């Protein structure tokens, strides 16, 4: 009989994701993904002014902070026929790029690297050898033997105290770790550096949006006025600061993140055949060059790749009721019409229904409803979303920048293109797109500065700001790409108020439960066949799920309803 293991919650930041996996003969043979907390923002938004929706939906997450606001203002603009000025589109692109740069670096070092890096093993490293390796792969100045010796002393202080602090609860010494001690030491040093660096790039949000997290947005444009000589406006000094922040980010990505990623990947090539799962990929695309209404101009293309077939990209239309639907066969909700029907988000419902066992519980009743996530499908098919999906769609769409970068990286690692369909490919795709975003940010910044120099300071189109100009009824959809994947908001406006509002977020696509046909979504599918050397320390399970960058949290104690200790798995 398979052994059922539980990790709940599974990630290092923000919780509410439970994974149950059945292990037989050292491999996962079945898996179940459960969202363990209801959201309900859709209920809160009913009856409100559509122009205020972004401020509520942005609080969906404190990590993917800006992208929900972006999707929200776009869905209102789409419903009301508002076209934002080019400068506002550029500001939104720059805020998008800043979010990606920070989020992807944080994910690699602080949320995922410790699935590949053995922190305690770094104590065995020779700082001189670590310095030689670091200098052979990068020009990053912090790479002397003394520097790595100092980092090693800091780690030793943690270990000697018996408290590893931020590195606590790791499966250190696990058989699945493969890095030499010196590479472990380099990675830990850069983990600490990334903590300092990541707080700088988000200052872009405070300059354009007033604060971070949850910067301000505005239906019809951007919430910042341009006046080169005004202290309280977007002036020359602040623009120069934005440019410097993006320059520094590009340097960190080129000289720290990517070299570390490639160094780590070189020791885990076997993971190029593990943790793939679905071969259907969905990307809404983003970073418009000629405006949001011209998706053909997007840096990240829009489209779908089915069954891993890179010869064709299928179109995706968020307004087509037959394309995107959400199902609830295994979700703790109810629909008019019953559990078997699928609903397009414009007709979506958020009605809670849960009569099963309440936490704490030993195991999910997976034959019944077992998650607070609905199950979205594109034409009835499950999709993976996220960095890998964006790179796959762009590659298949013939994007030369993406093709050259992907092909060059595969060649440097001496691995085939099939490696992309794996946990390692997912992790590598995130790093590659970070390099692309760093370059695109400089392009957008140069265009914005050029527009301002040429006298174009427009940031807002307020022609439809007066609700008296709106139609009695309107529908809209706003699509974007959160760092974790395809994100869209749908709105129905009735007599100037929100009649219905639905969010389908990346983790809804990836982490959702099975549908009525028994089709697994991305997380569940990716875990099938994953090796587990020690069910009490399922590092390989974490490695696979963390490759998606689930935005959920840390170690957990599970108890039965009488308060007795049952089981504990440390998720670090």
Protein backbone atom coordinates (compact mmCIF):
# COMPACT_ATOMS: atom_id res chain seq x y z
CA UNK A 1 0.00 0.00 0.00
CA UNK A 2 1.25 3.53 -0.75
CA UNK A 3 2.38 5.67 2.17
CA UNK A 4 0.44 8.97 2.37
CA UNK A 5 2.63 11.91 3.42
CA UNK A 6 1.45 15.44 4.20
CA UNK A 7 3.20 18.78 3.90
CA UNK A 8 1.03 21.59 5.23
CA UNK A 9 1.77 24.40 4.60
CA UNK A 10 4.44 23.86 1.98
CA UNK A 11 6.18 27.16 1.28
CA UNK A 12 8.50 29.58 3.00
CA UNK A 13 6.44 32.75 3.07
CA UNK A 14 2.64 32.83 2.95
CA UNK A 15 0.72 29.64 3.82
CA UNK A 16 -2.55 27.96 2.92
CA UNK A 17 -1.26 25.26 0.55
CA UNK A 18 -1.42 21.61 1.58
CA UNK A 19 0.09 18.78 -0.44
CA UNK A 20 -0.73 15.13 0.22
CA UNK A 21 1.27 12.56 -1.74
CA UNK A 22 1.16 8.79 -1.91
CA UNK A 23 4.62 7.19 -2.07
CA UNK A 24 5.23 3.63 -3.24
CA UNK A 25 8.59 1.99 -3.86
CA UNK A 26 10.36 5.32 -3.37
CA UNK A 27 8.29 7.35 -5.86
CA UNK A 28 5.16 9.48 -5.72
CA UNK A 29 2.30 7.61 -7.39
CA UNK A 30 -0.50 10.07 -6.63
CA UNK A 31 -0.80 13.60 -5.25
CA UNK A 32 -3.43 16.06 -4.08
CA UNK A 33 -3.14 19.85 -3.82
CA UNK A 34 -5.46 21.74 -1.48
CA UNK A 35 -5.89 25.45 -0.90
CA UNK A 36 -6.77 25.72 2.77
CA UNK A 37 -8.22 29.22 3.10
CA UNK A 38 -11.15 30.92 1.40
CA UNK A 39 -10.50 34.29 -0.28
CA UNK A 40 -13.91 35.89 -0.90
CA UNK A 41 -12.72 39.19 -2.42
CA UNK A 42 -15.35 38.74 -5.10
CA UNK A 43 -18.04 38.98 -2.44
CA UNK A 44 -16.50 42.11 -0.92
CA UNK A 45 -16.38 43.91 -4.28
CA UNK A 46 -20.05 43.64 -5.21
CA UNK A 47 -21.82 47.01 -5.23
CA UNK A 48 -18.63 49.08 -5.18
CA UNK A 49 -17.33 51.69 -7.62
CA UNK A 50 -15.34 49.85 -10.35
CA UNK A 51 -12.62 52.50 -10.18
CA UNK A 52 -11.88 51.45 -6.59
CA UNK A 53 -11.57 47.72 -7.30
CA UNK A 54 -7.79 47.81 -7.81
CA UNK A 55 -7.21 48.95 -4.20
CA UNK A 56 -9.06 45.88 -2.91
CA UNK A 57 -7.77 43.28 -5.35
CA UNK A 58 -4.18 44.45 -4.89
CA UNK A 59 -4.45 43.13 -1.34
CA UNK A 60 -4.99 39.63 -2.69
CA UNK A 61 -1.28 39.18 -2.08
CA UNK A 62 1.56 41.12 -0.49
CA UNK A 63 4.10 39.43 -2.75
CA UNK A 64 2.53 39.74 -6.22
CA UNK A 65 1.50 43.17 -5.06
CA UNK A 66 1.25 45.32 -8.19
CA UNK A 67 -0.04 42.87 -10.77
CA UNK A 68 -3.52 42.51 -9.28
CA UNK A 69 -3.94 46.29 -9.42
CA UNK A 70 -2.77 46.23 -13.03
CA UNK A 71 -5.25 43.50 -13.97
CA UNK A 72 -8.01 45.38 -12.16
CA UNK A 73 -7.53 48.77 -13.83
CA UNK A 74 -7.28 46.99 -17.18
CA UNK A 75 -10.56 45.14 -16.71
CA UNK A 76 -12.36 48.42 -15.94
CA UNK A 77 -10.66 50.15 -18.89
CA UNK A 78 -11.65 47.26 -21.14
CA UNK A 79 -15.26 47.45 -20.00
CA UNK A 80 -15.48 51.21 -20.53
CA UNK A 81 -13.36 51.53 -23.67
CA UNK A 82 -10.57 53.58 -22.07
CA UNK A 83 -7.16 53.76 -23.77
CA UNK A 84 -4.32 54.95 -21.54
CA UNK A 85 -1.59 57.35 -22.78
CA UNK A 86 1.72 55.81 -23.96
CA UNK A 87 3.63 57.20 -20.97
CA UNK A 88 1.20 55.55 -18.55
CA UNK A 89 1.68 52.25 -20.37
CA UNK A 90 5.45 52.66 -20.03
CA UNK A 91 5.19 53.41 -16.30
CA UNK A 92 3.05 50.32 -15.85
CA UNK A 93 5.62 48.28 -17.78
CA UNK A 94 8.44 49.58 -15.58
CA UNK A 95 6.53 48.75 -12.40
CA UNK A 96 5.86 45.30 -13.87
CA UNK A 97 9.57 44.82 -14.61
CA UNK A 98 10.62 45.94 -11.14
CA UNK A 99 8.19 43.43 -9.63
CA UNK A 100 9.60 40.60 -11.75
CA UNK A 101 13.22 41.44 -10.98
CA UNK A 102 12.62 41.48 -7.24
CA UNK A 103 10.25 38.54 -7.16
CA UNK A 104 12.34 36.16 -9.26
CA UNK A 105 15.57 36.87 -7.37
CA UNK A 106 13.78 36.41 -4.04
CA UNK A 107 12.24 33.18 -5.27
CA UNK A 108 15.52 31.70 -6.43
CA UNK A 109 17.56 32.54 -3.35
CA UNK A 110 15.09 32.65 -0.49
CA UNK A 111 12.22 30.37 -1.50
CA UNK A 112 13.77 27.73 -3.75
CA UNK A 113 17.58 27.65 -3.61
CA UNK A 114 17.57 25.78 -0.30
CA UNK A 115 15.90 22.87 -2.11
CA UNK A 116 19.18 22.53 -4.02
CA UNK A 117 21.72 24.08 -1.61
CA UNK A 118 22.91 22.44 1.62
CA UNK A 119 23.64 25.34 3.95
CA UNK A 120 25.43 23.37 6.66
CA UNK A 121 27.63 21.63 4.09
CA UNK A 122 29.05 25.07 3.23
CA UNK A 123 31.04 24.82 6.48
CA UNK A 124 33.20 22.16 4.81
CA UNK A 125 34.12 24.46 1.93
CA UNK A 126 37.57 25.80 1.19
CA UNK A 127 37.11 29.60 0.82
CA UNK A 128 40.07 29.76 -1.58
CA UNK A 129 38.48 27.18 -3.87
CA UNK A 130 35.09 28.90 -3.54
CA UNK A 131 36.71 32.16 -4.60
CA UNK A 132 38.28 30.49 -7.62
CA UNK A 133 34.97 29.03 -8.74
CA UNK A 134 33.13 32.33 -8.22
CA UNK A 135 35.71 34.31 -10.21
CA UNK A 136 35.64 31.75 -13.02
CA UNK A 137 31.91 32.18 -13.61
CA UNK A 138 31.35 35.89 -12.89
CA UNK A 139 32.94 39.32 -12.58
CA UNK A 140 31.01 40.05 -9.36
CA UNK A 141 33.47 41.93 -7.13
CA UNK A 142 32.54 40.20 -3.86
CA UNK A 143 34.44 37.00 -4.53
CA UNK A 144 37.71 37.07 -2.57
CA UNK A 145 38.80 34.19 -0.30
CA UNK A 146 38.45 36.51 2.69
CA UNK A 147 34.88 37.37 1.73
CA UNK A 148 33.84 33.71 1.58
CA UNK A 149 35.76 32.96 4.78
CA UNK A 150 33.79 35.70 6.54
CA UNK A 151 30.48 34.27 5.26
CA UNK A 152 31.55 30.84 6.47
CA UNK A 153 32.22 32.27 9.92
CA UNK A 154 28.70 33.73 10.00
CA UNK A 155 27.21 30.34 9.15
CA UNK A 156 29.37 28.67 11.78
CA UNK A 157 28.10 31.13 14.38
CA UNK A 158 24.55 30.04 13.59
CA UNK A 159 25.42 26.35 13.78
CA UNK A 160 27.49 26.65 16.97
CA UNK A 161 24.60 28.42 18.70
CA UNK A 162 22.30 25.49 17.95
CA UNK A 163 19.96 27.88 16.17
CA UNK A 164 20.28 28.26 12.42
CA UNK A 165 18.03 31.31 12.37
CA UNK A 166 16.80 31.96 8.83
CA UNK A 167 18.29 28.60 7.78
CA UNK A 168 16.43 26.60 10.40
CA UNK A 169 14.20 23.60 9.60
CA UNK A 170 16.27 22.45 6.63
CA UNK A 171 16.93 18.84 5.66
CA UNK A 172 20.67 19.46 5.79
CA UNK A 173 22.74 16.43 4.83
CA UNK A 174 19.88 14.94 2.80
CA UNK A 175 20.99 12.43 0.15
CA UNK A 176 19.25 14.44 -2.60
CA UNK A 177 21.74 17.33 -2.28
CA UNK A 178 24.45 17.21 -4.96
CA UNK A 179 26.46 20.45 -4.81
CA UNK A 180 30.11 20.59 -3.76
CA UNK A 181 30.72 22.42 -0.50
CA UNK A 182 32.28 25.39 -2.31
CA UNK A 183 29.23 25.93 -4.53
CA UNK A 184 27.03 25.68 -1.44
CA UNK A 185 29.12 28.41 0.17
CA UNK A 186 28.83 30.68 -2.88
CA UNK A 187 25.06 30.21 -2.93
CA UNK A 188 24.67 30.99 0.77
CA UNK A 189 26.80 34.14 0.40
CA UNK A 190 24.59 35.33 -2.43
CA UNK A 191 21.46 34.41 -0.47
CA UNK A 192 22.55 36.99 2.11
CA UNK A 193 23.47 39.56 -0.55
CA UNK A 194 20.13 39.13 -2.31
CA UNK A 195 18.34 39.96 0.94
CA UNK A 196 19.98 43.37 0.86
CA UNK A 197 19.64 43.97 -2.89
CA UNK A 198 15.95 43.10 -3.27
CA UNK A 199 14.78 45.98 -1.08
CA UNK A 200 16.33 48.47 -3.50
CA UNK A 201 14.60 47.62 -6.79
CA UNK A 202 11.10 48.01 -5.30
CA UNK A 203 11.84 51.70 -4.79
CA UNK A 204 10.73 51.98 -8.42
CA UNK A 205 7.22 51.35 -7.11
CA UNK A 206 7.47 54.12 -4.54
CA UNK A 207 8.62 56.60 -7.19
CA UNK A 208 5.86 55.79 -9.69
CA UNK A 209 3.16 54.55 -7.30
CA UNK A 210 3.87 56.27 -3.99
CA UNK A 211 4.66 53.19 -1.89
CA UNK A 212 5.51 49.50 -1.74
CA UNK A 213 3.91 47.09 -1.20
CA UNK A 214 0.57 47.96 -2.78
CA UNK A 215 1.55 51.01 -4.85
CA UNK A 216 -1.17 53.26 -6.19
CA UNK A 217 -2.78 52.71 -9.58
CA UNK A 218 -5.34 54.70 -11.54
CA UNK A 219 -8.03 53.73 -14.02
CA UNK A 220 -7.12 55.61 -17.19
CA UNK A 221 -3.41 56.05 -16.60
CA UNK A 222 -0.64 56.28 -14.02
CA UNK A 223 -0.80 58.05 -10.63
CA UNK A 224 2.28 60.23 -11.15
CA UNK A 225 2.51 63.67 -12.74
CA UNK A 226 5.58 64.65 -14.76
CA UNK A 227 7.33 67.93 -14.06
CA UNK A 228 11.09 67.89 -14.51
CA UNK A 229 11.57 70.89 -12.19
CA UNK A 230 8.96 70.16 -9.50
CA UNK A 231 10.14 68.58 -6.24
CA UNK A 232 6.82 66.76 -5.64
CA UNK A 233 6.45 65.35 -9.16
CA UNK A 234 8.20 62.82 -11.36
CA UNK A 235 11.21 65.02 -11.91
CA UNK A 236 14.67 64.65 -13.44
CA UNK A 237 16.26 63.47 -10.21
CA UNK A 238 13.69 60.74 -9.63
CA UNK A 239 13.85 59.57 -13.23
CA UNK A 240 17.63 59.32 -12.98
CA UNK A 241 17.24 57.28 -9.78
CA UNK A 242 14.89 54.86 -11.55
CA UNK A 243 17.44 54.43 -14.32
CA UNK A 244 20.18 53.69 -11.79
CA UNK A 245 18.03 51.12 -9.98
CA UNK A 246 17.41 49.23 -13.21
CA UNK A 247 21.12 49.37 -14.10
CA UNK A 248 22.02 47.90 -10.71
CA UNK A 249 19.34 45.23 -11.09
CA UNK A 250 20.68 44.18 -14.49
CA UNK A 251 24.18 43.86 -13.01
CA UNK A 252 22.95 41.71 -10.11
CA UNK A 253 21.02 39.45 -12.47
CA UNK A 254 23.94 39.09 -14.90
CA UNK A 255 26.73 38.68 -12.36
CA UNK A 256 25.05 36.91 -9.45
CA UNK A 257 21.68 35.29 -10.22
CA UNK A 258 22.36 33.74 -13.63
CA UNK A 259 25.87 32.43 -12.86
CA UNK A 260 24.54 30.83 -9.66
CA UNK A 261 21.57 29.35 -11.50
CA UNK A 262 23.75 27.77 -14.17
CA UNK A 263 26.27 26.54 -11.59
CA UNK A 264 23.55 24.83 -9.57
CA UNK A 265 21.80 23.43 -12.66
CA UNK A 266 25.01 21.79 -13.83
CA UNK A 267 24.96 19.46 -10.81
CA UNK A 268 21.26 18.54 -11.13
CA UNK A 269 20.89 17.59 -14.79
CA UNK A 270 18.94 14.49 -13.77
CA UNK A 271 16.18 16.86 -12.64
CA UNK A 272 15.73 17.78 -16.28
CA UNK A 273 13.60 14.63 -16.47
CA UNK A 274 11.72 15.00 -13.17
CA UNK A 275 8.73 17.09 -12.12
CA UNK A 276 7.40 18.03 -15.55
CA UNK A 277 3.76 17.03 -15.38
CA UNK A 278 1.48 18.83 -17.82
CA UNK A 279 2.65 19.75 -21.30
CA UNK A 280 -0.12 22.30 -21.84
CA UNK A 281 1.02 25.90 -21.32
CA UNK A 282 -1.01 29.11 -21.11
CA UNK A 283 0.30 32.68 -21.22
CA UNK A 284 -1.80 35.84 -21.46
CA UNK A 285 1.33 37.80 -22.30
CA UNK A 286 2.26 41.36 -21.31
CA UNK A 287 4.70 44.26 -21.63
CA UNK A 288 3.02 46.05 -24.55
CA UNK A 289 5.15 48.11 -26.91
CA UNK A 290 2.24 49.53 -28.94
CA UNK A 291 -0.42 49.58 -26.21
CA UNK A 292 -2.39 46.95 -24.31
CA UNK A 293 -4.92 46.67 -27.13
CA UNK A 294 -2.17 45.47 -29.47
CA UNK A 295 -1.16 42.08 -27.99
CA UNK A 296 0.91 41.34 -31.09
CA UNK A 297 3.35 43.94 -29.73
CA UNK A 298 3.78 42.27 -26.34
CA UNK A 299 7.30 41.32 -25.25
CA UNK A 300 5.73 38.25 -23.63
CA UNK A 301 3.46 36.78 -26.34
CA UNK A 302 -0.09 35.63 -25.69
CA UNK A 303 -1.09 32.08 -26.52
CA UNK A 304 -1.31 28.41 -25.67
CA UNK A 305 0.93 25.43 -26.43
CA UNK A 306 -0.78 22.05 -26.26
CA UNK A 307 0.83 18.67 -25.61
CA UNK A 308 4.33 20.12 -25.81
CA UNK A 309 3.91 20.82 -29.54
CA UNK A 310 6.19 23.79 -30.21
CA UNK A 311 5.11 24.01 -33.86
CA UNK A 312 1.80 25.72 -33.09
CA UNK A 313 0.51 28.46 -30.76
CA UNK A 314 -3.24 28.51 -30.14
CA UNK A 315 -5.11 31.76 -29.53
CA UNK A 316 -6.64 32.54 -26.17
CA UNK A 317 -9.61 34.87 -25.74
CA UNK A 318 -10.62 35.82 -22.21
CA UNK A 319 -14.06 36.94 -23.41
CA UNK A 320 -14.95 33.62 -25.03
CA UNK A 321 -17.32 31.80 -22.68
CA UNK A 322 -16.34 28.44 -24.21
CA UNK A 323 -12.62 28.88 -23.59
CA UNK A 324 -11.99 29.71 -19.94
CA UNK A 325 -14.27 28.15 -17.35
CA UNK A 326 -13.99 27.31 -13.67
CA UNK A 327 -15.23 24.03 -12.21
CA UNK A 328 -15.96 23.03 -8.61
CA UNK A 329 -16.30 19.21 -8.61
CA UNK A 330 -13.63 19.00 -5.87
CA UNK A 331 -13.85 22.57 -4.54
CA UNK A 332 -15.68 23.77 -1.44
CA UNK A 333 -18.14 25.90 -3.41
CA UNK A 334 -21.53 25.44 -5.01
CA UNK A 335 -22.94 26.55 -8.37
CA UNK A 336 -26.43 27.05 -9.63
CA UNK A 337 -26.75 24.10 -11.97
CA UNK A 338 -24.68 21.76 -9.80
CA UNK A 339 -21.08 20.66 -9.50
CA UNK A 340 -20.74 19.35 -13.06
CA UNK A 341 -21.13 22.69 -14.83
CA UNK A 342 -18.31 25.04 -15.71
CA UNK A 343 -18.76 28.79 -15.55
CA UNK A 344 -17.00 31.55 -17.45
CA UNK A 345 -15.85 34.20 -14.94
CA UNK A 346 -18.41 36.76 -16.13
CA UNK A 347 -21.04 34.29 -14.90
CA UNK A 348 -18.88 33.09 -12.02
CA UNK A 349 -20.20 32.49 -8.53
CA UNK A 350 -18.48 32.55 -5.15
CA UNK A 351 -20.87 30.59 -2.97
CA UNK A 352 -19.21 28.72 -0.11
CA UNK A 353 -20.21 25.15 0.64
CA UNK A 354 -18.28 22.94 3.01
CA UNK A 355 -19.78 20.14 5.06
CA UNK A 356 -16.74 17.85 5.31
CA UNK A 357 -14.22 17.36 8.09
CA UNK A 358 -12.80 20.56 9.48
CA UNK A 359 -9.10 21.14 10.18
CA UNK A 360 -7.18 19.76 11.93
CA UNK A 361 -7.63 16.44 10.11
CA UNK A 362 -5.41 13.48 9.31
CA UNK A 363 -6.01 13.39 5.57
CA UNK A 364 -8.14 15.06 2.93
CA UNK A 365 -11.19 13.21 1.66
CA UNK A 366 -10.02 13.40 -1.93
CA UNK A 367 -13.02 11.55 -3.30
CA UNK A 368 -15.11 14.55 -2.28
CA UNK A 369 -14.41 18.30 -2.22
CA UNK A 370 -10.92 18.96 -0.86
CA UNK A 371 -9.82 22.50 -1.72
CA UNK A 372 -10.85 26.16 -1.52
CA UNK A 373 -9.46 26.63 -5.04
CA UNK A 374 -11.73 26.30 -8.02
CA UNK A 375 -10.48 24.35 -11.04
CA UNK A 376 -10.00 26.47 -14.19
CA UNK A 377 -9.77 24.88 -17.61
CA UNK A 378 -9.13 26.11 -21.16
CA UNK A 379 -11.56 24.30 -23.45
CA UNK A 380 -11.76 21.62 -20.79
CA UNK A 381 -7.99 21.12 -20.55
CA UNK A 382 -5.66 21.76 -17.60
CA UNK A 383 -2.89 24.31 -18.12
CA UNK A 384 0.42 25.16 -16.51
CA UNK A 385 1.10 28.87 -16.12
CA UNK A 386 4.21 30.74 -15.03
CA UNK A 387 7.74 31.46 -16.27
CA UNK A 388 8.06 28.12 -18.06
CA UNK A 389 4.74 28.68 -19.82
CA UNK A 390 5.80 32.19 -20.87
CA UNK A 391 9.12 30.95 -22.25
CA UNK A 392 7.50 27.96 -24.00
CA UNK A 393 4.82 30.12 -25.65
CA UNK A 394 7.37 32.76 -26.67
CA UNK A 395 9.74 30.10 -28.01
CA UNK A 396 6.95 28.46 -30.01
CA UNK A 397 5.71 31.86 -31.25
CA UNK A 398 9.12 32.51 -32.84
CA UNK A 399 10.37 35.21 -30.45
CA UNK A 400 14.01 35.51 -31.52
CA UNK A 401 15.26 36.91 -28.20
CA UNK A 402 13.75 34.00 -26.30
CA UNK A 403 14.86 31.37 -28.81
CA UNK A 404 18.47 32.57 -28.82
CA UNK A 405 18.65 32.79 -25.03
CA UNK A 406 17.04 29.39 -24.47
CA UNK A 407 19.07 27.63 -27.16
CA UNK A 408 22.31 29.18 -25.91
CA UNK A 409 21.61 28.13 -22.33
CA UNK A 410 20.73 24.57 -23.32
CA UNK A 411 23.94 24.36 -25.32
CA UNK A 412 26.05 25.67 -22.43
CA UNK A 413 24.59 22.99 -20.14
CA UNK A 414 24.80 20.34 -22.89
CA UNK A 415 21.17 19.28 -22.43
CA UNK A 416 18.30 18.79 -24.92
CA UNK A 417 15.24 21.03 -25.29
CA UNK A 418 13.13 18.38 -23.53
CA UNK A 419 14.82 19.46 -20.28
CA UNK A 420 12.48 22.46 -20.30
CA UNK A 421 9.57 20.18 -19.39
CA UNK A 422 10.76 19.57 -15.83
CA UNK A 423 11.29 21.08 -12.39
CA UNK A 424 14.79 22.10 -13.46
CA UNK A 425 13.44 23.63 -16.68
CA UNK A 426 10.87 25.58 -14.71
CA UNK A 427 13.56 26.99 -12.42
CA UNK A 428 15.85 27.83 -15.35
CA UNK A 429 13.02 29.52 -17.29
CA UNK A 430 12.46 31.92 -14.41
CA UNK A 431 16.10 32.98 -14.47
CA UNK A 432 16.20 33.38 -18.24
CA UNK A 433 13.14 35.59 -18.32
CA UNK A 434 14.64 37.70 -15.53
CA UNK A 435 17.58 38.44 -17.84
CA UNK A 436 15.13 39.40 -20.60
CA UNK A 437 13.06 41.61 -18.29
CA UNK A 438 16.19 43.43 -17.08
CA UNK A 439 16.99 44.37 -20.68
CA UNK A 440 13.41 45.28 -21.58
CA UNK A 441 13.17 47.56 -18.54
CA UNK A 442 16.04 49.63 -19.92
CA UNK A 443 14.24 49.88 -23.27
CA UNK A 444 11.01 51.07 -21.65
CA UNK A 445 12.88 53.54 -19.47
CA UNK A 446 14.72 55.00 -22.47
CA UNK A 447 11.44 55.41 -24.36
CA UNK A 448 9.77 57.13 -21.38
CA UNK A 449 12.66 59.57 -20.96
CA UNK A 450 12.66 60.25 -24.69
CA UNK A 451 8.93 61.00 -24.70
CA UNK A 452 9.31 63.44 -21.82
CA UNK A 453 12.26 65.17 -23.48
CA UNK A 454 10.12 65.59 -26.59
CA UNK A 455 7.42 67.34 -24.56
CA UNK A 456 4.94 64.47 -24.08
CA UNK A 457 4.12 64.41 -20.36
CA UNK A 458 0.62 62.88 -20.58
CA UNK A 459 -0.07 60.26 -17.91
CA UNK A 460 -3.87 60.10 -17.70
CA UNK A 461 -6.86 59.76 -20.02
CA UNK A 462 -9.80 61.04 -17.94
CA UNK A 463 -12.40 61.28 -20.71
CA UNK A 464 -14.52 58.49 -19.18
CA UNK A 465 -13.92 59.34 -15.54
CA UNK A 466 -17.45 60.65 -15.05
CA UNK A 467 -19.83 57.68 -14.50
CA UNK A 468 -22.53 59.64 -16.31
CA UNK A 469 -20.66 58.79 -19.53
CA UNK A 470 -20.71 55.04 -18.90
CA UNK A 471 -23.14 52.60 -20.50
CA UNK A 472 -25.82 51.14 -18.23
CA UNK A 473 -24.21 47.71 -18.45
CA UNK A 474 -20.66 46.77 -19.37
CA UNK A 475 -18.30 43.81 -19.17
CA UNK A 476 -14.52 43.74 -19.19
CA UNK A 477 -11.53 41.49 -18.76
CA UNK A 478 -8.04 42.58 -17.75
CA UNK A 479 -5.21 40.15 -18.38
CA UNK A 480 -1.58 40.21 -17.31
CA UNK A 481 1.26 37.92 -16.28
CA UNK A 482 1.98 37.78 -12.57
CA UNK A 483 5.46 36.47 -11.80
CA UNK A 484 3.77 33.14 -11.03
CA UNK A 485 1.74 33.05 -14.25
CA UNK A 486 -1.38 34.01 -16.15
CA UNK A 487 -3.61 36.37 -14.16
CA UNK A 488 -6.96 37.82 -15.22
CA UNK A 489 -9.81 39.74 -13.62
CA UNK A 490 -13.34 39.84 -15.03
CA UNK A 491 -15.91 42.52 -14.19
CA UNK A 492 -19.61 43.04 -14.82
CA UNK A 493 -20.77 46.64 -14.30
CA UNK A 494 -24.46 47.44 -13.81
CA UNK A 495 -25.59 51.05 -13.38
CA UNK A 496 -22.04 52.23 -12.50
CA UNK A 497 -21.55 49.59 -9.76
CA UNK A 498 -19.83 46.21 -9.69
CA UNK A 499 -22.44 43.49 -10.22
CA UNK A 500 -19.91 40.66 -10.47
CA UNK A 501 -16.13 40.44 -10.17
CA UNK A 502 -14.02 37.31 -10.51
CA UNK A 503 -10.28 36.68 -10.24
CA UNK A 504 -8.58 33.64 -11.75
CA UNK A 505 -5.05 33.79 -10.39
CA UNK A 506 -1.93 31.74 -11.32
CA UNK A 507 -2.19 29.41 -8.34
CA UNK A 508 -5.81 28.70 -9.28
CA UNK A 509 -4.52 27.23 -12.54
CA UNK A 510 -1.53 25.42 -11.06
CA UNK A 511 -2.62 24.40 -7.56
CA UNK A 512 -6.27 23.52 -8.17
CA UNK A 513 -7.80 20.12 -7.44
CA UNK A 514 -8.85 17.57 -10.03
CA UNK A 515 -11.80 18.25 -12.30
CA UNK A 516 -14.86 16.01 -12.66
CA UNK A 517 -13.03 13.96 -15.32
CA UNK A 518 -10.20 13.25 -12.91
CA UNK A 519 -7.69 15.40 -14.78
CA UNK A 520 -4.93 16.66 -12.51
CA UNK A 521 -3.86 20.29 -12.50
CA UNK A 522 -0.21 21.31 -12.72
CA UNK A 523 0.99 20.70 -9.13
CA UNK A 524 -0.63 17.30 -8.83
CA UNK A 525 0.57 16.22 -12.28
CA UNK A 526 4.15 17.39 -11.70
CA UNK A 527 4.53 15.23 -8.60
CA UNK A 528 3.74 11.93 -10.31
CA UNK A 529 6.93 9.86 -10.54
CA UNK A 530 9.03 12.17 -8.37
CA UNK A 531 11.49 10.14 -6.26
CA UNK A 532 11.31 10.43 -2.46
CA UNK A 533 14.35 9.01 -0.70
CA UNK A 534 12.96 9.61 2.79
CA UNK A 535 9.19 10.11 3.34
CA UNK A 536 9.97 11.81 6.66
CA UNK A 537 12.07 14.41 4.79
CA UNK A 538 10.39 14.79 1.37
CA UNK A 539 12.91 17.25 -0.04
CA UNK A 540 12.17 16.14 -3.61
CA UNK A 541 8.48 16.96 -3.18
CA UNK A 542 9.37 20.46 -1.97
CA UNK A 543 11.82 20.91 -4.82
CA UNK A 544 9.12 20.12 -7.36
CA UNK A 545 6.35 22.28 -5.92
CA UNK A 546 8.70 25.17 -5.14
CA UNK A 547 9.78 25.22 -8.80
CA UNK A 548 6.35 26.75 -9.48
CA UNK A 549 6.95 29.43 -6.83
CA UNK A 550 3.71 28.90 -4.90
CA UNK A 551 2.97 32.02 -2.85
CA UNK A 552 2.23 30.20 0.42
CA UNK A 553 4.23 29.51 3.87
CA UNK A 554 6.52 27.73 6.51
CA UNK A 555 6.81 24.82 8.97
CA UNK A 556 3.72 23.33 10.60
CA UNK A 557 2.56 21.20 13.52
CA UNK A 558 -0.49 19.01 12.92
CA UNK A 559 -2.75 17.95 15.76
CA UNK A 560 -5.93 15.90 16.01
CA UNK A 561 -9.12 17.49 17.31
CA UNK A 562 -8.22 16.46 20.87
CA UNK A 563 -4.97 18.42 20.63
CA UNK A 564 -2.64 15.41 20.51
CA UNK A 565 0.55 15.54 18.48
CA UNK A 566 0.15 13.66 15.18
CA UNK A 567 2.95 14.44 12.76
CA UNK A 568 5.33 17.16 11.74
CA UNK A 569 7.08 17.89 8.48
CA UNK A 570 9.41 20.87 8.27
CA UNK A 571 8.94 22.93 5.13
CA UNK A 572 11.83 25.37 4.88
